[in-house]
N, C-alpha and C. Protein backbone atom coordinates (compact mmCIF):
# COMPACT_ATOMS: atom_id res chain seq x y z
N UNK A 1 -9.25 10.23 16.31
CA UNK A 1 -8.32 10.97 15.48
C UNK A 1 -8.27 10.37 14.08
N UNK A 2 -7.98 11.23 13.13
CA UNK A 2 -7.78 10.81 11.75
C UNK A 2 -6.42 11.31 11.27
N UNK A 3 -5.78 10.49 10.47
CA UNK A 3 -4.48 10.83 9.91
C UNK A 3 -4.51 10.56 8.42
N UNK A 4 -3.89 11.44 7.65
CA UNK A 4 -3.89 11.28 6.20
C UNK A 4 -2.48 11.00 5.69
N UNK A 5 -2.40 10.02 4.80
CA UNK A 5 -1.16 9.66 4.14
C UNK A 5 -1.39 9.76 2.64
N UNK A 6 -0.52 10.45 1.92
CA UNK A 6 -0.62 10.57 0.47
C UNK A 6 0.63 9.95 -0.16
N UNK A 7 0.39 8.98 -1.03
CA UNK A 7 1.47 8.31 -1.75
C UNK A 7 1.41 8.79 -3.19
N UNK A 8 2.45 9.48 -3.63
CA UNK A 8 2.46 10.03 -4.98
C UNK A 8 2.63 8.94 -6.02
N UNK A 9 1.99 9.12 -7.16
CA UNK A 9 2.07 8.13 -8.23
C UNK A 9 1.15 6.96 -7.96
N UNK A 10 1.51 5.81 -8.49
CA UNK A 10 0.72 4.62 -8.27
C UNK A 10 1.63 3.45 -7.98
N UNK A 11 1.08 2.45 -7.33
CA UNK A 11 1.83 1.23 -7.04
C UNK A 11 1.56 0.21 -8.12
N UNK A 12 2.39 -0.82 -8.17
CA UNK A 12 2.13 -1.91 -9.10
C UNK A 12 0.79 -2.55 -8.76
N UNK A 13 0.18 -3.16 -9.75
CA UNK A 13 -1.10 -3.82 -9.54
C UNK A 13 -0.93 -5.30 -9.24
N UNK A 14 -2.04 -5.93 -8.91
CA UNK A 14 -2.04 -7.35 -8.60
C UNK A 14 -1.56 -8.18 -9.80
N UNK A 15 -1.92 -7.76 -11.01
CA UNK A 15 -1.49 -8.51 -12.20
C UNK A 15 0.03 -8.52 -12.33
N UNK A 16 0.67 -7.38 -12.11
CA UNK A 16 2.13 -7.30 -12.20
C UNK A 16 2.78 -8.16 -11.12
N UNK A 17 2.22 -8.10 -9.92
CA UNK A 17 2.76 -8.87 -8.80
C UNK A 17 2.61 -10.38 -9.06
N UNK A 18 1.46 -10.79 -9.56
CA UNK A 18 1.21 -12.20 -9.85
C UNK A 18 2.18 -12.70 -10.93
N UNK A 19 2.36 -11.91 -11.97
CA UNK A 19 3.30 -12.28 -13.04
C UNK A 19 4.72 -12.40 -12.48
N UNK A 20 5.11 -11.46 -11.63
CA UNK A 20 6.45 -11.49 -11.05
C UNK A 20 6.65 -12.73 -10.18
N UNK A 21 5.60 -13.17 -9.50
CA UNK A 21 5.70 -14.37 -8.66
C UNK A 21 5.90 -15.63 -9.48
N UNK A 22 5.65 -15.54 -10.76
CA UNK A 22 5.84 -16.68 -11.66
C UNK A 22 7.14 -16.58 -12.44
N UNK A 23 7.90 -15.51 -12.20
CA UNK A 23 9.13 -15.25 -12.94
C UNK A 23 10.33 -15.55 -12.06
N UNK A 24 11.19 -16.42 -12.54
CA UNK A 24 12.39 -16.78 -11.80
C UNK A 24 13.53 -15.88 -12.27
N UNK A 25 14.32 -15.42 -11.32
CA UNK A 25 15.45 -14.56 -11.62
C UNK A 25 16.70 -15.14 -10.97
N UNK A 26 17.84 -14.75 -11.49
CA UNK A 26 19.11 -15.22 -10.91
C UNK A 26 19.92 -14.02 -10.44
N UNK A 27 20.49 -14.18 -9.27
CA UNK A 27 21.41 -13.19 -8.74
C UNK A 27 22.60 -13.97 -8.23
N UNK A 28 23.69 -13.95 -8.98
CA UNK A 28 24.83 -14.80 -8.63
C UNK A 28 24.42 -16.25 -8.73
N UNK A 29 24.60 -17.00 -7.66
CA UNK A 29 24.21 -18.41 -7.64
C UNK A 29 22.80 -18.60 -7.11
N UNK A 30 22.19 -17.51 -6.62
CA UNK A 30 20.84 -17.60 -6.05
C UNK A 30 19.78 -17.55 -7.13
N UNK A 31 18.73 -18.30 -6.92
CA UNK A 31 17.56 -18.28 -7.79
C UNK A 31 16.38 -17.87 -6.92
N UNK A 32 15.59 -16.91 -7.39
CA UNK A 32 14.45 -16.45 -6.60
C UNK A 32 13.35 -15.96 -7.53
N UNK A 33 12.16 -15.77 -6.97
CA UNK A 33 11.05 -15.24 -7.73
C UNK A 33 11.05 -13.72 -7.61
N UNK A 34 10.73 -13.03 -8.69
CA UNK A 34 10.80 -11.57 -8.71
C UNK A 34 9.70 -10.90 -7.90
N UNK A 35 8.68 -11.64 -7.49
CA UNK A 35 7.59 -11.06 -6.72
C UNK A 35 8.06 -10.38 -5.45
N UNK A 36 9.03 -10.97 -4.78
CA UNK A 36 9.57 -10.39 -3.56
C UNK A 36 10.22 -9.03 -3.84
N UNK A 37 10.90 -8.94 -4.97
CA UNK A 37 11.52 -7.67 -5.38
C UNK A 37 10.47 -6.57 -5.58
N UNK A 38 9.40 -6.92 -6.27
CA UNK A 38 8.34 -5.94 -6.54
C UNK A 38 7.69 -5.50 -5.23
N UNK A 39 7.43 -6.44 -4.33
CA UNK A 39 6.83 -6.08 -3.05
C UNK A 39 7.74 -5.15 -2.27
N UNK A 40 9.03 -5.45 -2.21
CA UNK A 40 9.99 -4.59 -1.50
C UNK A 40 10.07 -3.20 -2.13
N UNK A 41 10.09 -3.14 -3.46
CA UNK A 41 10.17 -1.85 -4.16
C UNK A 41 8.94 -0.99 -3.86
N UNK A 42 7.76 -1.60 -3.89
CA UNK A 42 6.53 -0.87 -3.61
C UNK A 42 6.46 -0.46 -2.14
N UNK A 43 6.88 -1.35 -1.25
CA UNK A 43 6.92 -1.01 0.17
C UNK A 43 7.85 0.16 0.44
N UNK A 44 8.97 0.23 -0.26
CA UNK A 44 9.92 1.32 -0.06
C UNK A 44 9.28 2.67 -0.41
N UNK A 45 8.48 2.69 -1.46
CA UNK A 45 7.77 3.92 -1.86
C UNK A 45 6.83 4.36 -0.74
N UNK A 46 6.07 3.40 -0.20
CA UNK A 46 5.11 3.70 0.85
C UNK A 46 5.83 4.10 2.14
N UNK A 47 6.88 3.39 2.50
CA UNK A 47 7.63 3.70 3.72
C UNK A 47 8.20 5.12 3.67
N UNK A 48 8.68 5.53 2.52
CA UNK A 48 9.21 6.89 2.39
C UNK A 48 8.12 7.92 2.66
N UNK A 49 6.93 7.70 2.10
CA UNK A 49 5.80 8.60 2.34
C UNK A 49 5.42 8.62 3.82
N UNK A 50 5.41 7.46 4.45
CA UNK A 50 5.08 7.37 5.87
C UNK A 50 6.10 8.15 6.70
N UNK A 51 7.37 7.95 6.42
CA UNK A 51 8.42 8.64 7.18
C UNK A 51 8.35 10.15 7.01
N UNK A 52 8.00 10.61 5.81
CA UNK A 52 7.91 12.05 5.56
C UNK A 52 6.67 12.67 6.18
N UNK A 53 5.55 11.95 6.17
CA UNK A 53 4.27 12.56 6.55
C UNK A 53 3.79 12.19 7.95
N UNK A 54 4.03 10.97 8.37
CA UNK A 54 3.49 10.53 9.66
C UNK A 54 4.56 10.49 10.74
N UNK A 55 5.78 10.72 10.34
CA UNK A 55 6.92 10.77 11.25
C UNK A 55 6.91 9.64 12.27
N UNK A 56 6.77 9.95 13.52
CA UNK A 56 6.86 8.93 14.58
C UNK A 56 5.48 8.54 15.13
N UNK A 57 4.46 8.64 14.32
CA UNK A 57 3.11 8.30 14.75
C UNK A 57 3.04 6.81 15.12
N UNK A 58 2.42 6.52 16.24
CA UNK A 58 2.20 5.13 16.67
C UNK A 58 0.77 5.05 17.20
N UNK A 59 -0.07 4.29 16.51
CA UNK A 59 -1.48 4.17 16.86
C UNK A 59 -1.70 2.86 17.59
N UNK A 60 -2.34 2.95 18.75
CA UNK A 60 -2.60 1.74 19.53
C UNK A 60 -4.04 1.27 19.41
N UNK A 61 -4.94 2.15 19.02
CA UNK A 61 -6.36 1.79 18.88
C UNK A 61 -6.59 1.07 17.55
N UNK A 62 -7.69 0.34 17.44
CA UNK A 62 -8.07 -0.23 16.14
C UNK A 62 -8.37 0.91 15.15
N UNK A 63 -8.18 0.62 13.87
CA UNK A 63 -8.40 1.64 12.84
C UNK A 63 -9.25 1.10 11.70
N UNK A 64 -9.86 2.03 10.98
CA UNK A 64 -10.45 1.77 9.68
C UNK A 64 -9.59 2.53 8.68
N UNK A 65 -9.24 1.89 7.58
CA UNK A 65 -8.43 2.52 6.54
C UNK A 65 -9.33 2.88 5.37
N UNK A 66 -9.32 4.14 4.98
CA UNK A 66 -10.12 4.61 3.85
C UNK A 66 -9.17 4.96 2.71
N UNK A 67 -9.20 4.13 1.67
CA UNK A 67 -8.31 4.31 0.54
C UNK A 67 -9.01 5.08 -0.58
N UNK A 68 -8.35 6.07 -1.12
CA UNK A 68 -8.82 6.77 -2.32
C UNK A 68 -7.72 6.59 -3.38
N UNK A 69 -8.06 5.87 -4.42
CA UNK A 69 -7.10 5.53 -5.47
C UNK A 69 -7.31 6.48 -6.65
N UNK A 70 -6.34 7.31 -6.96
CA UNK A 70 -6.40 8.25 -8.07
C UNK A 70 -5.49 7.73 -9.18
N UNK A 71 -6.10 7.13 -10.17
CA UNK A 71 -5.37 6.55 -11.30
C UNK A 71 -5.29 7.57 -12.44
N UNK A 72 -4.25 7.48 -13.29
CA UNK A 72 -4.14 8.42 -14.41
C UNK A 72 -5.17 8.16 -15.51
N UNK A 73 -5.72 6.95 -15.54
CA UNK A 73 -6.73 6.58 -16.54
C UNK A 73 -7.50 5.37 -16.01
N UNK A 74 -8.37 4.83 -16.85
CA UNK A 74 -9.20 3.69 -16.42
C UNK A 74 -8.71 2.37 -17.01
N UNK A 75 -7.44 2.27 -17.27
CA UNK A 75 -6.89 1.07 -17.89
C UNK A 75 -6.87 -0.15 -16.95
N UNK A 76 -6.66 0.08 -15.67
CA UNK A 76 -6.60 -1.04 -14.71
C UNK A 76 -7.92 -1.14 -13.96
N UNK A 77 -8.39 -2.38 -13.77
CA UNK A 77 -9.66 -2.54 -13.04
C UNK A 77 -9.43 -2.32 -11.54
N UNK A 78 -10.51 -2.09 -10.83
CA UNK A 78 -10.44 -1.73 -9.40
C UNK A 78 -9.66 -2.75 -8.57
N UNK A 79 -9.94 -4.04 -8.76
CA UNK A 79 -9.25 -5.07 -7.97
C UNK A 79 -7.75 -5.08 -8.25
N UNK A 80 -7.38 -4.89 -9.50
CA UNK A 80 -5.96 -4.87 -9.85
C UNK A 80 -5.26 -3.71 -9.17
N UNK A 81 -5.90 -2.57 -9.12
CA UNK A 81 -5.33 -1.37 -8.50
C UNK A 81 -5.18 -1.55 -6.99
N UNK A 82 -6.23 -2.03 -6.34
CA UNK A 82 -6.28 -1.95 -4.88
C UNK A 82 -5.78 -3.19 -4.13
N UNK A 83 -5.92 -4.37 -4.67
CA UNK A 83 -5.62 -5.60 -3.91
C UNK A 83 -4.18 -5.65 -3.42
N UNK A 84 -3.24 -5.53 -4.32
CA UNK A 84 -1.83 -5.56 -3.95
C UNK A 84 -1.46 -4.29 -3.19
N UNK A 85 -2.01 -3.16 -3.60
CA UNK A 85 -1.72 -1.88 -2.95
C UNK A 85 -2.10 -1.87 -1.48
N UNK A 86 -3.28 -2.37 -1.16
CA UNK A 86 -3.70 -2.43 0.25
C UNK A 86 -2.73 -3.26 1.08
N UNK A 87 -2.33 -4.41 0.54
CA UNK A 87 -1.39 -5.30 1.24
C UNK A 87 -0.07 -4.58 1.51
N UNK A 88 0.48 -3.95 0.49
CA UNK A 88 1.76 -3.26 0.62
C UNK A 88 1.66 -2.10 1.61
N UNK A 89 0.60 -1.33 1.53
CA UNK A 89 0.42 -0.17 2.42
C UNK A 89 0.27 -0.63 3.87
N UNK A 90 -0.55 -1.64 4.10
CA UNK A 90 -0.73 -2.12 5.47
C UNK A 90 0.57 -2.71 6.03
N UNK A 91 1.29 -3.47 5.24
CA UNK A 91 2.57 -4.02 5.69
C UNK A 91 3.56 -2.90 6.02
N UNK A 92 3.60 -1.87 5.20
CA UNK A 92 4.51 -0.74 5.45
C UNK A 92 4.12 0.01 6.72
N UNK A 93 2.82 0.18 6.96
CA UNK A 93 2.37 0.84 8.19
C UNK A 93 2.81 0.06 9.43
N UNK A 94 2.81 -1.26 9.34
CA UNK A 94 3.27 -2.09 10.46
C UNK A 94 4.79 -2.01 10.59
N UNK A 95 5.51 -2.11 9.47
CA UNK A 95 6.98 -2.06 9.52
C UNK A 95 7.50 -0.71 10.03
N UNK A 96 6.75 0.36 9.76
CA UNK A 96 7.13 1.69 10.25
C UNK A 96 6.58 1.95 11.65
N UNK A 97 5.90 0.96 12.21
CA UNK A 97 5.37 0.99 13.57
C UNK A 97 4.26 2.03 13.78
N UNK A 98 3.59 2.41 12.69
CA UNK A 98 2.41 3.26 12.81
C UNK A 98 1.29 2.40 13.40
N UNK A 99 1.15 1.17 12.88
CA UNK A 99 0.19 0.20 13.41
C UNK A 99 0.94 -0.93 14.09
N UNK A 100 0.35 -1.50 15.11
CA UNK A 100 0.98 -2.63 15.81
C UNK A 100 0.97 -3.89 14.95
N UNK A 101 -0.11 -4.05 14.19
CA UNK A 101 -0.28 -5.23 13.35
C UNK A 101 -1.37 -4.89 12.34
N UNK A 102 -1.53 -5.72 11.31
CA UNK A 102 -2.61 -5.46 10.35
C UNK A 102 -3.68 -6.56 10.40
N UNK A 103 -3.72 -7.28 11.50
CA UNK A 103 -4.74 -8.31 11.69
C UNK A 103 -6.07 -7.71 12.09
N UNK A 104 -7.05 -8.55 12.31
CA UNK A 104 -8.43 -8.15 12.59
C UNK A 104 -8.54 -7.26 13.83
N UNK A 105 -7.69 -7.48 14.79
CA UNK A 105 -7.75 -6.72 16.04
C UNK A 105 -7.37 -5.25 15.83
N UNK A 106 -6.51 -4.98 14.86
CA UNK A 106 -5.99 -3.63 14.67
C UNK A 106 -6.54 -2.92 13.44
N UNK A 107 -6.84 -3.65 12.39
CA UNK A 107 -7.49 -3.07 11.20
C UNK A 107 -8.87 -3.70 11.14
N UNK A 108 -9.88 -2.93 11.58
CA UNK A 108 -11.23 -3.50 11.70
C UNK A 108 -12.04 -3.38 10.42
N UNK A 109 -11.49 -2.65 9.44
CA UNK A 109 -12.17 -2.54 8.16
C UNK A 109 -11.45 -1.57 7.25
N UNK A 110 -11.89 -1.56 6.00
CA UNK A 110 -11.34 -0.60 5.04
C UNK A 110 -12.37 -0.33 3.96
N UNK A 111 -12.20 0.79 3.29
CA UNK A 111 -13.04 1.14 2.16
C UNK A 111 -12.14 1.55 1.00
N UNK A 112 -12.66 1.42 -0.20
CA UNK A 112 -11.94 1.83 -1.41
C UNK A 112 -12.83 2.75 -2.23
N UNK A 113 -12.27 3.85 -2.69
CA UNK A 113 -12.92 4.72 -3.67
C UNK A 113 -11.93 4.95 -4.79
N UNK A 114 -12.45 5.09 -6.01
CA UNK A 114 -11.59 5.16 -7.19
C UNK A 114 -11.91 6.42 -8.01
N UNK A 115 -10.86 7.09 -8.46
CA UNK A 115 -11.00 8.32 -9.22
C UNK A 115 -9.94 8.34 -10.32
N UNK A 116 -10.14 9.21 -11.31
CA UNK A 116 -9.13 9.45 -12.33
C UNK A 116 -8.56 10.85 -12.12
N UNK A 117 -7.25 10.95 -12.17
CA UNK A 117 -6.56 12.23 -12.12
C UNK A 117 -5.28 12.09 -12.95
N UNK A 118 -5.38 12.43 -14.21
CA UNK A 118 -4.28 12.26 -15.15
C UNK A 118 -3.05 13.06 -14.73
N UNK A 119 -3.27 14.24 -14.17
CA UNK A 119 -2.17 15.15 -13.81
C UNK A 119 -1.51 14.78 -12.48
N UNK A 120 -2.23 14.13 -11.58
CA UNK A 120 -1.71 13.88 -10.25
C UNK A 120 -2.16 12.52 -9.70
N UNK A 121 -1.70 11.40 -10.32
CA UNK A 121 -2.08 10.10 -9.78
C UNK A 121 -1.47 9.93 -8.39
N UNK A 122 -2.26 9.30 -7.49
CA UNK A 122 -1.81 9.17 -6.11
C UNK A 122 -2.74 8.22 -5.37
N UNK A 123 -2.35 7.92 -4.15
CA UNK A 123 -3.18 7.13 -3.26
C UNK A 123 -3.30 7.93 -1.97
N UNK A 124 -4.51 8.19 -1.55
CA UNK A 124 -4.74 8.87 -0.29
C UNK A 124 -5.31 7.86 0.69
N UNK A 125 -4.68 7.77 1.86
CA UNK A 125 -5.12 6.82 2.88
C UNK A 125 -5.49 7.62 4.13
N UNK A 126 -6.75 7.50 4.51
CA UNK A 126 -7.20 8.07 5.78
C UNK A 126 -7.17 6.95 6.81
N UNK A 127 -6.45 7.19 7.88
CA UNK A 127 -6.35 6.22 8.97
C UNK A 127 -7.25 6.78 10.10
N UNK A 128 -8.33 6.09 10.36
CA UNK A 128 -9.34 6.58 11.30
C UNK A 128 -9.34 5.69 12.54
N UNK A 129 -8.94 6.28 13.68
CA UNK A 129 -8.96 5.54 14.94
C UNK A 129 -10.40 5.26 15.36
N UNK A 130 -10.60 4.07 15.91
CA UNK A 130 -11.91 3.68 16.42
C UNK A 130 -11.87 3.68 17.95
N UNK A 131 -13.01 3.92 18.54
CA UNK A 131 -13.09 3.91 20.02
C UNK A 131 -13.25 2.52 20.55
């Protein structure tokens, strides 16, 4: 079986996440790094898409994830676009219980393809069950 997930817009890139991990913020008496905030914000976007499109899907077989990254322009390099995005998407799939885990046993591989779509930036994820 194959399942498609479409995330509208784009997620933060690895550069933004790395910078945030070096930025200290204060909330009341607490001091923390902003990287956790960015990861949570990006995960929330992905989780909403999962809840709307995949509903109560639970996959028990290993999968290959095929990512299609549609950027509005070519300003960000491929690694910046996909590295943090893959991590956030896989973590959200596990937290929403679509996947049992994102380790080697459950995610046996992934591919990335990159496109420009100024009018409709998005991320399309094909989740392909393996036998």
